[in-house]
Amino acid sequence: MHKLRIVQKELNETEIWLKVMVMAEFATEESLHCLREEVKSLARIITASIGTLKERGVGKESR
C-alpha cells in the first residue's frame, strides 16, 4: 500500500508540473490534454486500488 501512495503523490505532482508547463507557455493546453487525461485516469485507478486495500485491511500492519 505504501508504494501505491507514493505513486498517487507522484501522479499529483505530475499534474501540477503539466499545469506549470501550460502557465509558463512551454506547451499548450491542447498539446497536453491527452497526457493530463491519462494522469487523471491513472490517479483514479490508484485511488480505487488504495480504497480496495483499505477495505480488505491490507497494509495496516505496515503503519
C-alpha atoms as a PDB file:
ATOM      1  CA  MET A   1       0.000   0.000   0.000  1.00  0.00           C
ATOM      2  CA  HIS A   2       2.911   2.342   0.748  1.00  0.00           C
ATOM      3  CA  LYS A   3       4.145   2.124  -2.835  1.00  0.00           C
ATOM      4  CA  LEU A   4       0.669   2.904  -4.158  1.00  0.00           C
ATOM      5  CA  ARG A   5       0.567   6.030  -2.003  1.00  0.00           C
ATOM      6  CA  ILE A   6       3.916   7.087  -3.465  1.00  0.00           C
ATOM      7  CA  VAL A   7       2.524   6.550  -6.965  1.00  0.00           C
ATOM      8  CA  GLN A   8      -0.509   8.639  -6.045  1.00  0.00           C
ATOM      9  CA  LYS A   9       1.696  11.513  -4.854  1.00  0.00           C
ATOM     10  CA  GLU A  10       3.852  11.301  -7.980  1.00  0.00           C
ATOM     11  CA  LEU A  11       0.772  11.465 -10.201  1.00  0.00           C
ATOM     12  CA  ASN A  12      -0.440  14.530  -8.302  1.00  0.00           C
ATOM     13  CA  GLU A  13       2.962  16.147  -8.757  1.00  0.00           C
ATOM     14  CA  THR A  14       2.936  15.293 -12.460  1.00  0.00           C
ATOM     15  CA  GLU A  15      -0.433  17.011 -12.845  1.00  0.00           C
ATOM     16  CA  ILE A  16       0.979  20.115 -11.159  1.00  0.00           C
ATOM     17  CA  TRP A  17       4.024  20.184 -13.446  1.00  0.00           C
ATOM     18  CA  LEU A  18       1.840  19.812 -16.521  1.00  0.00           C
ATOM     19  CA  LYS A  19      -0.163  22.837 -15.354  1.00  0.00           C
ATOM     20  CA  VAL A  20       3.086  24.746 -14.806  1.00  0.00           C
ATOM     21  CA  MET A  21       4.196  23.919 -18.338  1.00  0.00           C
ATOM     22  CA  VAL A  22       0.998  25.444 -19.717  1.00  0.00           C
ATOM     23  CA  MET A  23       1.227  28.511 -17.470  1.00  0.00           C
ATOM     24  CA  ALA A  24       4.872  29.061 -18.476  1.00  0.00           C
ATOM     25  CA  GLU A  25       3.857  28.649 -22.113  1.00  0.00           C
ATOM     26  CA  PHE A  26       6.222  25.708 -22.693  1.00  0.00           C
ATOM     27  CA  ALA A  27       3.246  23.799 -24.061  1.00  0.00           C
ATOM     28  CA  THR A  28      -0.356  24.441 -24.963  1.00  0.00           C
ATOM     29  CA  GLU A  29      -3.338  23.058 -23.096  1.00  0.00           C
ATOM     30  CA  GLU A  30      -4.338  21.217 -26.252  1.00  0.00           C
ATOM     31  CA  SER A  31      -0.939  19.559 -26.670  1.00  0.00           C
ATOM     32  CA  LEU A  32      -1.026  18.205 -23.101  1.00  0.00           C
ATOM     33  CA  HIS A  33      -4.717  17.305 -22.985  1.00  0.00           C
ATOM     34  CA  CYS A  34      -4.239  13.568 -23.671  1.00  0.00           C
ATOM     35  CA  LEU A  35      -1.375  13.321 -21.197  1.00  0.00           C
ATOM     36  CA  ARG A  36      -3.335  15.107 -18.478  1.00  0.00           C
ATOM     37  CA  GLU A  37      -6.311  12.826 -19.066  1.00  0.00           C
ATOM     38  CA  GLU A  38      -4.035   9.793 -18.763  1.00  0.00           C
ATOM     39  CA  VAL A  39      -2.612  11.099 -15.477  1.00  0.00           C
ATOM     40  CA  LYS A  40      -6.138  11.652 -14.136  1.00  0.00           C
ATOM     41  CA  SER A  41      -7.189   8.167 -15.222  1.00  0.00           C
ATOM     42  CA  LEU A  42      -4.183   6.559 -13.564  1.00  0.00           C
ATOM     43  CA  ALA A  43      -4.815   8.577 -10.398  1.00  0.00           C
ATOM     44  CA  ARG A  44      -8.409   7.273 -10.255  1.00  0.00           C
ATOM     45  CA  ILE A  45      -7.179   3.691 -10.683  1.00  0.00           C
ATOM     46  CA  ILE A  46      -4.559   4.057  -7.946  1.00  0.00           C
ATOM     47  CA  THR A  47      -7.043   5.744  -5.611  1.00  0.00           C
ATOM     48  CA  ALA A  48      -9.526   2.908  -6.159  1.00  0.00           C
ATOM     49  CA  SER A  49      -6.800   0.340  -5.524  1.00  0.00           C
ATOM     50  CA  ILE A  50      -5.853   2.010  -2.258  1.00  0.00           C
ATOM     51  CA  GLY A  51      -9.527   2.041  -1.241  1.00  0.00           C
ATOM     52  CA  THR A  52      -9.865  -1.662  -2.033  1.00  0.00           C
ATOM     53  CA  LEU A  53      -6.786  -2.478   0.021  1.00  0.00           C
ATOM     54  CA  LYS A  54      -8.133  -0.438   2.939  1.00  0.00           C
ATOM     55  CA  GLU A  55     -11.455  -2.307   2.764  1.00  0.00           C
ATOM     56  CA  ARG A  56      -9.594  -5.619   2.865  1.00  0.00           C
ATOM     57  CA  GLY A  57      -7.436  -4.471   5.751  1.00  0.00           C
ATOM     58  CA  VAL A  58      -4.213  -4.849   3.783  1.00  0.00           C
ATOM     59  CA  GLY A  59      -1.303  -2.669   4.794  1.00  0.00           C
ATOM     60  CA  LYS A  60      -2.435  -1.835   8.312  1.00  0.00           C
ATOM     61  CA  GLU A  61       0.446  -3.748   9.836  1.00  0.00           C
ATOM     62  CA  SER A  62       2.979  -1.549   7.978  1.00  0.00           C
ATOM     63  CA  ARG A  63       1.915   1.669   9.717  1.00  0.00           C
END
